[in-house]
Protein backbone atom coordinates (compact mmCIF):
# COMPACT_ATOMS: atom_id res chain seq x y z
CA UNK A 1 0.00 0.00 0.00
CA UNK A 2 1.36 3.42 -0.96
CA UNK A 3 2.32 5.67 1.95
CA UNK A 4 -0.01 8.44 0.73
CA UNK A 5 -3.03 6.13 0.57
CA UNK A 6 -2.15 4.61 3.94
CA UNK A 7 -1.86 8.05 5.51
CA UNK A 8 -5.20 9.13 4.01
CA UNK A 9 -7.01 6.05 5.33
CA UNK A 10 -5.46 6.58 8.76
CA UNK A 11 -6.66 10.19 8.77
CA UNK A 12 -10.18 9.15 7.72
CA UNK A 13 -10.45 6.50 10.43
CA UNK A 14 -9.12 8.97 13.01
CA UNK A 15 -11.59 11.66 11.98
CA UNK A 16 -14.42 9.11 11.99
CA UNK A 17 -13.54 7.87 15.48
CA UNK A 18 -13.24 11.43 16.83
CA UNK A 19 -16.55 12.40 15.20
CA UNK A 20 -18.38 9.41 16.72
CA UNK A 21 -16.79 10.09 20.11
CA UNK A 22 -17.88 13.75 19.90
CA UNK A 23 -21.42 12.67 19.01
CA UNK A 24 -21.40 10.33 22.01
CA UNK A 25 -20.23 13.10 24.33
CA UNK A 26 -22.91 15.49 23.03
CA UNK A 27 -25.61 12.85 23.32
CA UNK A 28 -24.63 12.07 26.91
CA UNK A 29 -24.84 15.77 27.70
CA UNK A 30 -28.29 16.10 26.12
CA UNK A 31 -29.62 13.02 27.93
CA UNK A 32 -28.06 13.88 31.29
CA UNK A 33 -31.22 12.71 33.04
CA UNK A 34 -30.14 9.16 32.15
CA UNK A 35 -26.61 9.59 33.41
CA UNK A 36 -26.43 6.20 35.16
CA UNK A 37 -27.69 4.33 32.10
CA UNK A 38 -25.34 6.28 29.80
CA UNK A 39 -22.39 5.56 32.09
CA UNK A 40 -23.14 1.82 32.09
CA UNK A 41 -23.44 1.72 28.32
CA UNK A 42 -20.28 3.80 27.90
CA UNK A 43 -18.41 1.25 30.00
CA UNK A 44 -19.78 -1.58 27.87
CA UNK A 45 -18.77 0.33 24.73
CA UNK A 46 -15.20 0.81 25.95
CA UNK A 47 -15.03 -2.90 26.81
CA UNK A 48 -16.18 -3.83 23.30
CA UNK A 49 -13.62 -1.44 21.74
CA UNK A 50 -10.81 -2.94 23.83
CA UNK A 51 -11.88 -6.50 22.94
CA UNK A 52 -11.94 -5.59 19.25
CA UNK A 53 -8.47 -4.06 19.49
CA UNK A 54 -6.78 -6.93 21.32
CA UNK A 55 -8.71 -9.94 19.98
CA UNK A 56 -9.35 -8.85 16.40
CA UNK A 57 -12.21 -7.57 14.30
CA UNK A 58 -14.00 -10.92 14.01
CA UNK A 59 -14.19 -11.42 17.77
CA UNK A 60 -15.17 -7.77 18.20
CA UNK A 61 -18.02 -8.08 15.71
CA UNK A 62 -19.27 -11.24 17.42
CA UNK A 63 -19.16 -9.51 20.82
CA UNK A 64 -21.03 -6.52 19.37
CA UNK A 65 -23.65 -8.79 17.80
CA UNK A 66 -24.18 -10.49 21.16
CA UNK A 67 -24.58 -7.06 22.78
CA UNK A 68 -27.02 -5.90 20.07
CA UNK A 69 -29.04 -9.10 20.44
CA UNK A 70 -29.20 -8.68 24.23
CA UNK A 71 -30.04 -4.98 23.88
CA UNK A 72 -32.69 -5.68 21.24
CA UNK A 73 -34.24 -8.39 23.41
CA UNK A 74 -34.59 -5.94 26.30
CA UNK A 75 -36.13 -3.33 23.99
CA UNK A 76 -38.64 -5.80 22.57
CA UNK A 77 -39.54 -7.02 26.08
CA UNK A 78 -40.16 -3.46 27.28
CA UNK A 79 -42.13 -2.46 24.20
CA UNK A 80 -44.26 -5.59 23.70
CA UNK A 81 -44.75 -7.08 27.14
CA UNK A 82 -44.51 -3.98 29.31
CA UNK A 83 -45.95 -1.65 26.66
CA UNK A 84 -43.26 0.95 27.27
CA UNK A 85 -41.94 3.27 24.57
CA UNK A 86 -38.44 2.43 23.47
CA UNK A 87 -36.01 4.89 25.03
CA UNK A 88 -33.90 7.06 22.73
CA UNK A 89 -30.93 6.25 24.94
CA UNK A 90 -31.27 2.54 24.27
CA UNK A 91 -31.64 3.09 20.52
CA UNK A 92 -28.49 5.22 20.48
CA UNK A 93 -26.43 2.68 22.42
CA UNK A 94 -27.75 -0.10 20.18
CA UNK A 95 -25.52 1.01 17.27
CA UNK A 96 -22.84 3.32 18.69
CA UNK A 97 -20.65 0.58 20.28
CA UNK A 98 -20.45 -1.21 16.93
CA UNK A 99 -19.52 1.98 15.05
CA UNK A 100 -16.86 2.95 17.59
CA UNK A 101 -15.38 -0.56 17.61
CA UNK A 102 -15.11 -0.74 13.81
CA UNK A 103 -13.61 2.74 13.38
CA UNK A 104 -11.12 2.26 16.21
CA UNK A 105 -10.07 -1.11 14.82
CA UNK A 106 -9.54 0.48 11.42
CA UNK A 107 -7.49 3.27 12.99
CA UNK A 108 -5.37 0.78 14.96
CA UNK A 109 -4.77 -1.41 11.89
CA UNK A 110 -3.69 1.54 9.75
CA UNK A 111 -1.36 2.74 12.52
CA UNK A 112 0.13 -0.76 12.76
CA UNK A 113 0.66 -0.84 9.00
CA UNK A 114 2.41 2.51 9.17
CA UNK A 115 4.72 1.18 11.90
CA UNK A 116 5.50 -1.86 9.75
CA UNK A 117 6.22 0.40 6.76
CA UNK A 118 8.56 2.51 8.88
CA UNK A 119 10.34 -0.60 10.20
CA UNK A 120 10.68 -1.95 6.66
CA UNK A 121 12.09 1.34 5.42
CA UNK A 122 14.52 1.47 8.34
CA UNK A 123 15.79 -2.06 7.62
CA UNK A 124 16.06 -1.27 3.91
CA UNK A 125 17.94 1.94 4.66
CA UNK A 126 20.38 0.10 6.91
CA UNK A 127 20.86 -2.63 4.32
CA UNK A 128 21.34 -0.45 1.27
CA UNK A 129 23.04 2.52 2.86
CA UNK A 130 26.67 2.97 1.83
CA UNK A 131 27.65 4.37 5.26
CA UNK A 132 26.99 3.16 8.80
CA UNK A 133 25.42 5.87 10.95
CA UNK A 134 27.22 4.96 14.19
CA UNK A 135 30.76 4.21 13.02
CA UNK A 136 30.76 6.48 9.93
CA UNK A 137 32.32 3.60 8.01
CA UNK A 138 31.30 2.16 4.67
CA UNK A 139 28.96 -0.84 4.75
CA UNK A 140 28.63 -4.24 3.06
CA UNK A 141 26.98 -2.71 0.00
CA UNK A 142 29.95 -0.41 -0.50
CA UNK A 143 32.38 -3.28 0.16
CA UNK A 144 31.00 -5.38 -2.69
CA UNK A 145 31.05 -2.43 -5.07
CA UNK A 146 34.55 -1.34 -4.12
CA UNK A 147 35.99 -4.86 -4.01
CA UNK A 148 34.82 -5.47 -7.56
CA UNK A 149 36.72 -2.35 -8.66
CA UNK A 150 39.78 -3.34 -6.58
CA UNK A 151 39.87 -6.83 -8.11
CA UNK A 152 39.39 -5.63 -11.69
CA UNK A 153 42.09 -3.00 -11.27
CA UNK A 154 44.40 -5.54 -9.66
CA UNK A 155 43.96 -8.00 -12.52
CA UNK A 156 44.51 -5.34 -15.17
CA UNK A 157 47.71 -3.98 -13.65
CA UNK A 158 48.90 -7.20 -11.93
CA UNK A 159 48.52 -5.71 -8.44
CA UNK A 160 47.60 -8.08 -5.62
CA UNK A 161 44.47 -7.19 -3.64
CA UNK A 162 43.93 -8.34 -0.06
CA UNK A 163 41.06 -8.15 2.39
CA UNK A 164 41.29 -8.20 6.17
CA UNK A 165 38.25 -9.31 8.23
CA UNK A 166 38.15 -8.43 11.93
CA UNK A 167 35.88 -9.51 14.75
CA UNK A 168 35.90 -9.33 18.54
CA UNK A 169 37.14 -12.40 20.36
CA UNK A 170 34.74 -13.73 23.04
CA UNK A 171 31.92 -11.56 21.69
CA UNK A 172 29.08 -13.13 23.72
CA UNK A 173 31.08 -12.86 26.95
CA UNK A 174 31.93 -9.21 26.27
CA UNK A 175 28.26 -8.38 25.72
CA UNK A 176 27.47 -9.85 29.14
CA UNK A 177 30.37 -8.20 30.97
CA UNK A 178 30.15 -4.72 29.45
CA UNK A 179 27.33 -2.23 29.70
CA UNK A 180 25.66 -1.05 26.50
CA UNK A 181 27.58 2.23 26.71
CA UNK A 182 30.91 0.47 27.22
CA UNK A 183 30.24 -1.93 24.36
CA UNK A 184 29.29 0.95 22.06
CA UNK A 185 32.50 2.77 23.08
CA UNK A 186 34.48 -0.36 22.27
CA UNK A 187 32.99 -0.51 18.76
CA UNK A 188 33.82 3.15 18.21
CA UNK A 189 37.41 2.57 19.40
CA UNK A 190 37.90 -0.28 16.95
CA UNK A 191 36.46 1.78 14.09
CA UNK A 192 38.67 4.76 14.96
CA UNK A 193 41.72 2.47 15.26
CA UNK A 194 41.11 1.01 11.81
CA UNK A 195 40.88 4.47 10.28
CA UNK A 196 44.07 5.68 11.95
CA UNK A 197 46.17 2.49 11.56
CA UNK A 198 45.58 1.99 7.84
CA UNK A 199 47.02 3.79 4.87
CA UNK A 200 45.21 6.50 2.94
CA UNK A 201 44.41 4.20 0.02
CA UNK A 202 43.19 1.38 2.29
CA UNK A 203 39.41 1.39 2.69
CA UNK A 204 37.72 0.37 5.98
CA UNK A 205 34.21 -1.11 6.21
CA UNK A 206 31.73 -2.06 8.94
CA UNK A 207 30.01 -5.02 7.34
CA UNK A 208 27.90 -6.58 10.12
CA UNK A 209 26.17 -4.78 12.98
CA UNK A 210 24.56 -7.85 14.58
CA UNK A 211 27.90 -9.64 14.95
CA UNK A 212 30.28 -6.66 14.82
CA UNK A 213 32.58 -7.28 11.88
CA UNK A 214 34.97 -4.97 10.07
CA UNK A 215 36.81 -5.37 6.79
CA UNK A 216 39.68 -3.59 5.09
CA UNK A 217 40.50 -3.57 1.38
CA UNK A 218 44.16 -3.10 0.49
CA UNK A 219 46.30 -3.03 -2.63
CA UNK A 220 48.96 -5.33 -1.24
CA UNK A 221 50.03 -8.93 -1.04
CA UNK A 222 49.03 -11.27 1.74
CA UNK A 223 52.35 -10.61 3.47
CA UNK A 224 51.69 -6.87 3.35
CA UNK A 225 48.19 -7.44 4.72
CA UNK A 226 49.70 -9.36 7.65
CA UNK A 227 51.90 -6.37 8.43
CA UNK A 228 48.87 -4.09 8.33
CA UNK A 229 46.95 -6.51 10.59
CA UNK A 230 49.79 -6.51 13.11
CA UNK A 231 49.82 -2.71 13.07
CA UNK A 232 46.07 -2.69 13.73
CA UNK A 233 46.44 -5.07 16.70
CA UNK A 234 49.17 -2.92 18.23
CA UNK A 235 47.28 0.32 17.72
CA UNK A 236 44.09 -1.17 19.15
CA UNK A 237 45.88 -2.39 22.29
CA UNK A 238 47.34 1.09 22.78
CA UNK A 239 43.97 2.78 22.32
CA UNK A 240 42.30 0.34 24.70
CA UNK A 241 44.89 0.96 27.41
CA UNK A 242 44.07 4.68 27.36
CA UNK A 243 40.45 4.14 28.40
CA UNK A 244 40.25 4.44 32.21
CA UNK A 245 36.70 3.14 32.75
CA UNK A 246 37.04 0.01 30.61
CA UNK A 247 36.72 -3.12 32.82
CA UNK A 248 39.68 -5.43 33.18
CA UNK A 249 38.51 -8.00 30.63
CA UNK A 250 40.24 -9.75 27.77
CA UNK A 251 39.44 -7.64 24.71
CA UNK A 252 41.20 -8.64 21.52
CA UNK A 253 40.57 -9.02 17.81
CA UNK A 254 40.43 -12.11 15.65
CA UNK A 255 41.69 -11.43 12.16
CA UNK A 256 41.41 -13.25 8.87
CA UNK A 257 43.23 -12.35 5.66
CA UNK A 258 42.49 -13.34 2.08
CA UNK A 259 44.18 -12.33 -1.16
CA UNK A 260 43.10 -12.14 -4.77
CA UNK A 261 45.86 -14.62 -5.66
CA UNK A 262 44.37 -17.28 -3.39
CA UNK A 263 42.75 -20.25 -5.08
CA UNK A 264 39.04 -19.84 -5.74
CA UNK A 265 38.94 -16.02 -5.46
CA UNK A 266 36.93 -14.82 -8.44
CA UNK A 267 34.81 -11.97 -7.19
CA UNK A 268 34.12 -9.72 -4.20
CA UNK A 269 31.96 -12.33 -2.48
CA UNK A 270 34.72 -14.93 -2.67
CA UNK A 271 37.21 -12.47 -1.21
CA UNK A 272 34.96 -11.58 1.71
CA UNK A 273 34.01 -15.17 2.52
CA UNK A 274 37.62 -16.30 2.35
CA UNK A 275 38.70 -13.59 4.79
CA UNK A 276 35.84 -14.43 7.14
CA UNK A 277 36.76 -18.11 6.96
CA UNK A 278 40.33 -17.29 7.99
CA UNK A 279 39.11 -15.67 11.23
CA UNK A 280 38.18 -19.16 12.43
CA UNK A 281 41.86 -20.13 12.48
CA UNK A 282 43.07 -17.06 14.40
CA UNK A 283 43.54 -18.57 17.86
């Protein structure tokens, strides 16, 4: 559903619900001599609206039909057997609960759809965005695009291309031992270290937010990438030592390195997966 249509339907349901509620308030003011009866029916109406919201439209309609049947039975009994005129109050409350339930359910459903649309757009933005908002680093999308260029340039000019993948060792334990603020600071430290410890023509990426993972693309051989990885480890240890409030826990990086000259490396995906695979052997 288009956002404009969804917004229009939400507005219409909201206006309808507010209009019906205003009519109810005015009617209760006009029929103030039946305040007790109006109050009872208002409570029943709110109950039916809540049931419709939490249990769904079908259950809400059934509950309203049961209420209308009970209300109609009372009206028929009073009119036929007791020969009493049907009260305007009872006629009003015969239909108003149903109208309020339906309009509120429509409003709630449109609001839920809007939340789902926003969530979907947020996920899509995170997935397709070229930059990560928190670390200010390039993302997986940018990695695949850049790696393809790196590899093609490397093949054309016979320049080796390497990729470094980095993850936190003992990730699950660190998440339990550190507060959210400390863990976020740790991620920022790693990102800043990668930017400062790499060369100008090396490109740094943040490729996985769920399991924090970084990658670096370099025009160098595997031996040169190992030197860069060692420099990153040293710089990270120095940066970590300068943080006074960081708990005394074992924080280190696991690193995997892959090169375009390795067997089976044909494209950017192969390069990334090979580097990620190598992290499993960094003990």
